[in-house]
Amino acid sequence: MNAAEKLIRQHLEAKADERAHRIASMASEEMIRTEGESTDTDCYRIPHCQADEHMLECITHLVYHGQAISHDSDEGYIVVTLGDFTLSSLSKESEQ
């Protein structure tokens, strides 16, 4: 494989990774919106008894990538707030 083919392959692999991330993020957000009970504009609560492994992985994915925050409530719910919680967005807010 020559250098040009290697660069093309790396570019295609990066694009595939970006696409997979977008699909996972959209699916995770959709699952939270459809399975969770809306408490506010972008805030959803999910009963712990209904949060299976897939749901927990969706929440973890969004939290890890800064697309949500979550916490456990005293009433037995996982509360998920969707939004932009990346460091760059939080630093922009503090500058204003």
C-alpha atoms as a PDB file:
ATOM      1  CA  MET A   1       0.000   0.000   0.000  1.00  0.00           C
ATOM      2  CA  ASN A   2       1.481   3.327  -1.016  1.00  0.00           C
ATOM      3  CA  ALA A   3       1.277   6.568   0.965  1.00  0.00           C
ATOM      4  CA  ALA A   4      -1.701   7.946  -0.984  1.00  0.00           C
ATOM      5  CA  GLU A   5      -3.732   4.769  -0.448  1.00  0.00           C
ATOM      6  CA  LYS A   6      -2.850   4.812   3.231  1.00  0.00           C
ATOM      7  CA  LEU A   7      -4.038   8.425   3.614  1.00  0.00           C
ATOM      8  CA  ILE A   8      -7.270   7.663   1.774  1.00  0.00           C
ATOM      9  CA  ARG A   9      -7.899   4.646   3.976  1.00  0.00           C
ATOM     10  CA  GLN A  10      -7.249   6.648   7.159  1.00  0.00           C
ATOM     11  CA  HIS A  11      -9.631   9.365   5.943  1.00  0.00           C
ATOM     12  CA  LEU A  12     -12.370   6.830   5.161  1.00  0.00           C
ATOM     13  CA  GLU A  13     -11.928   5.144   8.547  1.00  0.00           C
ATOM     14  CA  ALA A  14     -12.173   8.512  10.323  1.00  0.00           C
ATOM     15  CA  LYS A  15     -15.361   9.337   8.398  1.00  0.00           C
ATOM     16  CA  ALA A  16     -16.828   5.938   9.308  1.00  0.00           C
ATOM     17  CA  ASP A  17     -16.015   6.529  12.994  1.00  0.00           C
ATOM     18  CA  GLU A  18     -17.661   9.966  12.890  1.00  0.00           C
ATOM     19  CA  ARG A  19     -20.760   8.495  11.243  1.00  0.00           C
ATOM     20  CA  ALA A  20     -20.964   5.675  13.803  1.00  0.00           C
ATOM     21  CA  HIS A  21     -20.693   8.235  16.622  1.00  0.00           C
ATOM     22  CA  ARG A  22     -23.484  10.375  15.126  1.00  0.00           C
ATOM     23  CA  ILE A  23     -25.753   7.339  14.729  1.00  0.00           C
ATOM     24  CA  ALA A  24     -25.068   6.173  18.302  1.00  0.00           C
ATOM     25  CA  SER A  25     -25.746   9.658  19.670  1.00  0.00           C
ATOM     26  CA  MET A  26     -29.003  10.058  17.748  1.00  0.00           C
ATOM     27  CA  ALA A  27     -30.218   6.599  18.783  1.00  0.00           C
ATOM     28  CA  SER A  28     -29.280   7.193  22.426  1.00  0.00           C
ATOM     29  CA  GLU A  29     -31.051  10.541  22.537  1.00  0.00           C
ATOM     30  CA  GLU A  30     -34.127   9.113  20.828  1.00  0.00           C
ATOM     31  CA  MET A  31     -34.307   6.252  23.314  1.00  0.00           C
ATOM     32  CA  ILE A  32     -34.158   8.634  26.278  1.00  0.00           C
ATOM     33  CA  ARG A  33     -36.786  10.923  24.737  1.00  0.00           C
ATOM     34  CA  THR A  34     -39.179   8.042  23.960  1.00  0.00           C
ATOM     35  CA  GLU A  35     -38.650   5.915  27.080  1.00  0.00           C
ATOM     36  CA  GLY A  36     -38.168   8.697  29.609  1.00  0.00           C
ATOM     37  CA  GLU A  37     -40.819  10.846  31.201  1.00  0.00           C
ATOM     38  CA  SER A  38     -40.324  14.492  30.240  1.00  0.00           C
ATOM     39  CA  THR A  39     -40.063  16.765  33.261  1.00  0.00           C
ATOM     40  CA  ASP A  40     -38.798  19.838  31.453  1.00  0.00           C
ATOM     41  CA  THR A  41     -37.828  20.857  27.947  1.00  0.00           C
ATOM     42  CA  ASP A  42     -34.765  18.591  27.735  1.00  0.00           C
ATOM     43  CA  CYS A  43     -34.982  16.806  31.075  1.00  0.00           C
ATOM     44  CA  TYR A  44     -36.219  13.220  31.325  1.00  0.00           C
ATOM     45  CA  ARG A  45     -36.570  10.777  34.165  1.00  0.00           C
ATOM     46  CA  ILE A  46     -36.382   7.026  33.832  1.00  0.00           C
ATOM     47  CA  PRO A  47     -37.398   4.660  36.640  1.00  0.00           C
ATOM     48  CA  HIS A  48     -34.451   2.536  37.784  1.00  0.00           C
ATOM     49  CA  CYS A  49     -36.598  -0.583  37.429  1.00  0.00           C
ATOM     50  CA  GLN A  50     -37.045   0.163  33.696  1.00  0.00           C
ATOM     51  CA  ALA A  51     -33.429   1.096  32.987  1.00  0.00           C
ATOM     52  CA  ASP A  52     -31.944  -1.981  31.353  1.00  0.00           C
ATOM     53  CA  GLU A  53     -28.326  -2.369  30.271  1.00  0.00           C
ATOM     54  CA  HIS A  54     -28.990  -0.823  26.852  1.00  0.00           C
ATOM     55  CA  MET A  55     -30.610   2.264  28.377  1.00  0.00           C
ATOM     56  CA  LEU A  56     -27.699   2.676  30.795  1.00  0.00           C
ATOM     57  CA  GLU A  57     -25.243   2.404  27.894  1.00  0.00           C
ATOM     58  CA  CYS A  58     -27.169   5.090  25.992  1.00  0.00           C
ATOM     59  CA  ILE A  59     -27.025   7.427  28.992  1.00  0.00           C
ATOM     60  CA  THR A  60     -23.330   6.686  29.515  1.00  0.00           C
ATOM     61  CA  HIS A  61     -22.580   7.375  25.847  1.00  0.00           C
ATOM     62  CA  LEU A  62     -24.252  10.785  25.923  1.00  0.00           C
ATOM     63  CA  VAL A  63     -22.691  11.762  29.259  1.00  0.00           C
ATOM     64  CA  TYR A  64     -19.214  10.664  28.135  1.00  0.00           C
ATOM     65  CA  HIS A  65     -19.452  12.799  24.988  1.00  0.00           C
ATOM     66  CA  GLY A  66     -20.842  15.837  26.828  1.00  0.00           C
ATOM     67  CA  GLN A  67     -24.289  15.580  25.284  1.00  0.00           C
ATOM     68  CA  ALA A  68     -26.095  15.012  28.594  1.00  0.00           C
ATOM     69  CA  ILE A  69     -25.743  14.995  32.349  1.00  0.00           C
ATOM     70  CA  SER A  70     -27.448  12.545  34.679  1.00  0.00           C
ATOM     71  CA  HIS A  71     -28.005  11.840  38.336  1.00  0.00           C
ATOM     72  CA  ASP A  72     -30.046   9.504  40.528  1.00  0.00           C
ATOM     73  CA  SER A  73     -33.026  10.998  42.310  1.00  0.00           C
ATOM     74  CA  ASP A  74     -34.235  10.110  45.797  1.00  0.00           C
ATOM     75  CA  GLU A  75     -37.507   8.876  44.251  1.00  0.00           C
ATOM     76  CA  GLY A  76     -35.798   6.035  42.340  1.00  0.00           C
ATOM     77  CA  TYR A  77     -35.318   7.685  38.958  1.00  0.00           C
ATOM     78  CA  ILE A  78     -32.371   8.372  36.725  1.00  0.00           C
ATOM     79  CA  VAL A  79     -32.711  12.008  35.690  1.00  0.00           C
ATOM     80  CA  VAL A  80     -31.124  12.842  32.341  1.00  0.00           C
ATOM     81  CA  THR A  81     -30.742  16.371  31.018  1.00  0.00           C
ATOM     82  CA  LEU A  82     -29.892  16.579  27.327  1.00  0.00           C
ATOM     83  CA  GLY A  83     -27.803  19.443  25.978  1.00  0.00           C
ATOM     84  CA  ASP A  84     -24.287  20.596  25.211  1.00  0.00           C
ATOM     85  CA  PHE A  85     -22.188  19.989  28.315  1.00  0.00           C
ATOM     86  CA  THR A  86     -18.782  19.878  26.650  1.00  0.00           C
ATOM     87  CA  LEU A  87     -15.946  21.794  28.264  1.00  0.00           C
ATOM     88  CA  SER A  88     -15.835  24.227  25.352  1.00  0.00           C
ATOM     89  CA  SER A  89     -19.529  25.120  25.702  1.00  0.00           C
ATOM     90  CA  LEU A  90     -19.255  25.489  29.472  1.00  0.00           C
ATOM     91  CA  SER A  91     -16.226  27.770  29.157  1.00  0.00           C
ATOM     92  CA  LYS A  92     -18.140  29.958  26.648  1.00  0.00           C
ATOM     93  CA  GLU A  93     -20.956  30.362  29.172  1.00  0.00           C
ATOM     94  CA  SER A  94     -18.549  31.479  31.897  1.00  0.00           C
ATOM     95  CA  GLU A  95     -17.061  34.115  29.574  1.00  0.00           C
ATOM     96  CA  GLN A  96     -20.434  35.781  29.034  1.00  0.00           C
END
